[in-house]
Amino acid sequence: MKQIKVLGSGCTKCVKTAELISEVVAELGVDAEVSKETSPEAIMGYGVMRTPAVVIDEHVVHSGSMPEKAQIVGWLS
């Protein structure tokens, strides 16, 4: 099972990023758990300076903006 974390303060873009990733996971039937991480200490632990950021299986794959749906599909394929 993939572990996907959306890092961010809880801003609108962060929430929408988590929702979009959850939608893509469901559409593709990927076995994944999507969670949100809002702790500044945890976010800094990943070395992320701009949010929203996406972490898949403990690897930062994106930061600083909302990802496009095609990007998410690529990460999960």
N, C-alpha and C. Protein backbone atom coordinates (compact mmCIF):
# COMPACT_ATOMS: atom_id res chain seq x y z
N MET A 1 0.84 -1.18 0.00
CA MET A 1 0.00 0.00 0.00
C MET A 1 0.88 1.24 0.00
N LYS A 2 0.58 2.17 -0.90
CA LYS A 2 1.30 3.43 -0.95
C LYS A 2 0.83 4.35 0.17
N GLN A 3 1.76 5.06 0.76
CA GLN A 3 1.46 6.07 1.77
C GLN A 3 1.66 7.44 1.11
N ILE A 4 0.58 8.19 0.99
CA ILE A 4 0.65 9.51 0.36
C ILE A 4 0.30 10.56 1.40
N LYS A 5 1.18 11.54 1.54
CA LYS A 5 0.94 12.62 2.49
C LYS A 5 0.90 13.94 1.73
N VAL A 6 -0.06 14.76 2.08
CA VAL A 6 -0.12 16.12 1.56
C VAL A 6 0.32 17.03 2.70
N LEU A 7 1.40 17.74 2.47
CA LEU A 7 1.96 18.61 3.49
C LEU A 7 1.46 20.03 3.27
N GLY A 8 0.97 20.64 4.32
CA GLY A 8 0.53 22.02 4.22
C GLY A 8 -0.19 22.48 5.46
N SER A 9 -0.45 23.76 5.51
CA SER A 9 -1.03 24.38 6.69
C SER A 9 -2.52 24.15 6.84
N GLY A 10 -3.14 23.59 5.81
CA GLY A 10 -4.59 23.44 5.83
C GLY A 10 -5.26 24.48 4.95
N CYS A 11 -4.46 25.16 4.14
CA CYS A 11 -4.99 26.18 3.22
C CYS A 11 -5.86 25.53 2.15
N THR A 12 -6.57 26.33 1.41
CA THR A 12 -7.48 25.82 0.38
C THR A 12 -6.75 24.96 -0.64
N LYS A 13 -5.58 25.40 -1.09
CA LYS A 13 -4.83 24.63 -2.08
C LYS A 13 -4.39 23.28 -1.52
N CYS A 14 -4.04 23.25 -0.25
CA CYS A 14 -3.62 22.00 0.38
C CYS A 14 -4.80 21.03 0.47
N VAL A 15 -5.94 21.53 0.87
CA VAL A 15 -7.14 20.69 0.99
C VAL A 15 -7.55 20.18 -0.38
N LYS A 16 -7.54 21.04 -1.39
CA LYS A 16 -7.92 20.62 -2.75
C LYS A 16 -6.93 19.62 -3.32
N THR A 17 -5.66 19.77 -2.99
CA THR A 17 -4.65 18.81 -3.44
C THR A 17 -4.95 17.43 -2.87
N ALA A 18 -5.25 17.36 -1.59
CA ALA A 18 -5.57 16.08 -0.95
C ALA A 18 -6.83 15.48 -1.57
N GLU A 19 -7.84 16.30 -1.84
CA GLU A 19 -9.07 15.80 -2.45
C GLU A 19 -8.81 15.26 -3.85
N LEU A 20 -8.02 15.99 -4.64
CA LEU A 20 -7.72 15.56 -6.01
C LEU A 20 -6.95 14.25 -6.00
N ILE A 21 -5.97 14.12 -5.12
CA ILE A 21 -5.20 12.88 -5.03
C ILE A 21 -6.12 11.73 -4.63
N SER A 22 -7.00 11.95 -3.68
CA SER A 22 -7.94 10.91 -3.26
C SER A 22 -8.84 10.48 -4.42
N GLU A 23 -9.29 11.44 -5.22
CA GLU A 23 -10.13 11.13 -6.38
C GLU A 23 -9.37 10.27 -7.38
N VAL A 24 -8.12 10.63 -7.67
CA VAL A 24 -7.32 9.88 -8.63
C VAL A 24 -7.03 8.47 -8.11
N VAL A 25 -6.73 8.36 -6.84
CA VAL A 25 -6.49 7.04 -6.23
C VAL A 25 -7.72 6.16 -6.43
N ALA A 26 -8.90 6.71 -6.17
CA ALA A 26 -10.14 5.94 -6.34
C ALA A 26 -10.39 5.58 -7.80
N GLU A 27 -10.17 6.53 -8.70
CA GLU A 27 -10.38 6.27 -10.13
C GLU A 27 -9.47 5.16 -10.65
N LEU A 28 -8.22 5.18 -10.21
CA LEU A 28 -7.25 4.19 -10.69
C LEU A 28 -7.30 2.88 -9.92
N GLY A 29 -8.00 2.88 -8.79
CA GLY A 29 -8.07 1.67 -7.97
C GLY A 29 -6.75 1.33 -7.31
N VAL A 30 -5.96 2.35 -7.01
CA VAL A 30 -4.65 2.16 -6.38
C VAL A 30 -4.85 1.91 -4.89
N ASP A 31 -4.07 0.98 -4.37
CA ASP A 31 -4.11 0.68 -2.93
C ASP A 31 -3.22 1.71 -2.24
N ALA A 32 -3.85 2.78 -1.74
CA ALA A 32 -3.08 3.86 -1.13
C ALA A 32 -3.88 4.51 -0.01
N GLU A 33 -3.13 5.05 0.94
CA GLU A 33 -3.72 5.81 2.03
C GLU A 33 -3.27 7.26 1.88
N VAL A 34 -4.23 8.17 1.81
CA VAL A 34 -3.93 9.59 1.66
C VAL A 34 -4.17 10.28 3.01
N SER A 35 -3.17 11.00 3.47
CA SER A 35 -3.32 11.72 4.73
C SER A 35 -2.78 13.14 4.56
N LYS A 36 -3.16 14.01 5.50
CA LYS A 36 -2.69 15.39 5.50
C LYS A 36 -1.79 15.61 6.71
N GLU A 37 -0.71 16.31 6.48
CA GLU A 37 0.22 16.64 7.56
C GLU A 37 0.30 18.16 7.67
N THR A 38 -0.11 18.68 8.83
CA THR A 38 -0.13 20.13 9.01
C THR A 38 0.91 20.64 10.00
N SER A 39 1.62 19.75 10.65
CA SER A 39 2.61 20.15 11.64
C SER A 39 3.81 20.81 10.96
N PRO A 40 4.10 22.07 11.32
CA PRO A 40 5.27 22.74 10.71
C PRO A 40 6.57 21.97 10.91
N GLU A 41 6.72 21.33 12.05
CA GLU A 41 7.95 20.56 12.33
C GLU A 41 8.06 19.38 11.37
N ALA A 42 6.94 18.67 11.14
CA ALA A 42 6.95 17.52 10.23
C ALA A 42 7.22 17.97 8.80
N ILE A 43 6.60 19.09 8.41
CA ILE A 43 6.80 19.61 7.05
C ILE A 43 8.26 19.98 6.85
N MET A 44 8.85 20.68 7.81
CA MET A 44 10.26 21.05 7.71
C MET A 44 11.17 19.83 7.71
N GLY A 45 10.73 18.76 8.37
CA GLY A 45 11.49 17.52 8.39
C GLY A 45 11.70 16.93 7.00
N TYR A 46 10.81 17.25 6.09
CA TYR A 46 10.95 16.80 4.70
C TYR A 46 11.75 17.79 3.86
N GLY A 47 12.14 18.90 4.46
CA GLY A 47 12.90 19.91 3.74
C GLY A 47 12.05 20.75 2.81
N VAL A 48 10.75 20.73 3.02
CA VAL A 48 9.82 21.47 2.17
C VAL A 48 9.74 22.91 2.64
N MET A 49 9.90 23.83 1.69
CA MET A 49 9.82 25.25 2.02
C MET A 49 8.52 25.88 1.52
N ARG A 50 7.88 25.25 0.52
CA ARG A 50 6.63 25.78 -0.03
C ARG A 50 5.59 24.68 -0.10
N THR A 51 4.37 25.02 0.27
CA THR A 51 3.29 24.05 0.26
C THR A 51 2.22 24.51 -0.72
N PRO A 52 1.34 23.62 -1.16
CA PRO A 52 1.26 22.22 -0.76
C PRO A 52 2.42 21.41 -1.33
N ALA A 53 2.73 20.35 -0.62
CA ALA A 53 3.75 19.41 -1.07
C ALA A 53 3.16 18.00 -0.98
N VAL A 54 3.68 17.11 -1.81
CA VAL A 54 3.19 15.74 -1.83
C VAL A 54 4.36 14.80 -1.57
N VAL A 55 4.14 13.88 -0.65
CA VAL A 55 5.14 12.88 -0.29
C VAL A 55 4.53 11.51 -0.56
N ILE A 56 5.21 10.70 -1.36
CA ILE A 56 4.75 9.34 -1.63
C ILE A 56 5.81 8.38 -1.13
N ASP A 57 5.42 7.50 -0.23
CA ASP A 57 6.33 6.53 0.38
C ASP A 57 7.62 7.21 0.86
N GLU A 58 7.44 8.33 1.56
CA GLU A 58 8.51 9.09 2.22
C GLU A 58 9.45 9.81 1.25
N HIS A 59 9.04 9.98 -0.02
CA HIS A 59 9.82 10.75 -0.99
C HIS A 59 9.00 11.95 -1.45
N VAL A 60 9.56 13.14 -1.34
CA VAL A 60 8.87 14.35 -1.80
C VAL A 60 8.86 14.32 -3.33
N VAL A 61 7.65 14.33 -3.90
CA VAL A 61 7.52 14.29 -5.36
C VAL A 61 7.07 15.62 -5.94
N HIS A 62 6.60 16.54 -5.08
CA HIS A 62 6.08 17.81 -5.59
C HIS A 62 5.99 18.81 -4.44
N SER A 63 6.22 20.08 -4.74
CA SER A 63 5.99 21.12 -3.73
C SER A 63 5.80 22.48 -4.39
N GLY A 64 5.07 23.33 -3.71
CA GLY A 64 4.92 24.71 -4.12
C GLY A 64 3.68 25.08 -4.89
N SER A 65 2.91 24.09 -5.33
CA SER A 65 1.69 24.38 -6.09
C SER A 65 0.79 23.15 -6.09
N MET A 66 -0.43 23.37 -6.58
CA MET A 66 -1.32 22.22 -6.74
C MET A 66 -0.86 21.42 -7.95
N PRO A 67 -0.69 20.11 -7.81
CA PRO A 67 -0.30 19.31 -8.96
C PRO A 67 -1.46 19.14 -9.95
N GLU A 68 -1.12 18.91 -11.19
CA GLU A 68 -2.12 18.61 -12.21
C GLU A 68 -2.52 17.14 -12.09
N LYS A 69 -3.73 16.84 -12.53
CA LYS A 69 -4.22 15.46 -12.45
C LYS A 69 -3.28 14.49 -13.18
N ALA A 70 -2.78 14.90 -14.35
CA ALA A 70 -1.87 14.04 -15.12
C ALA A 70 -0.60 13.72 -14.34
N GLN A 71 -0.10 14.67 -13.56
CA GLN A 71 1.08 14.43 -12.73
C GLN A 71 0.79 13.35 -11.69
N ILE A 72 -0.36 13.46 -11.07
CA ILE A 72 -0.73 12.50 -10.03
C ILE A 72 -0.85 11.11 -10.63
N VAL A 73 -1.48 11.02 -11.79
CA VAL A 73 -1.59 9.72 -12.47
C VAL A 73 -0.20 9.14 -12.72
N GLY A 74 0.71 9.99 -13.16
CA GLY A 74 2.08 9.53 -13.41
C GLY A 74 2.77 9.01 -12.16
N TRP A 75 2.55 9.68 -11.03
CA TRP A 75 3.17 9.23 -9.78
C TRP A 75 2.63 7.88 -9.35
N LEU A 76 1.37 7.62 -9.64
CA LEU A 76 0.72 6.40 -9.15
C LEU A 76 0.81 5.24 -10.12
N SER A 77 1.33 5.50 -11.33
CA SER A 77 1.42 4.42 -12.33
C SER A 77 2.69 3.63 -12.17
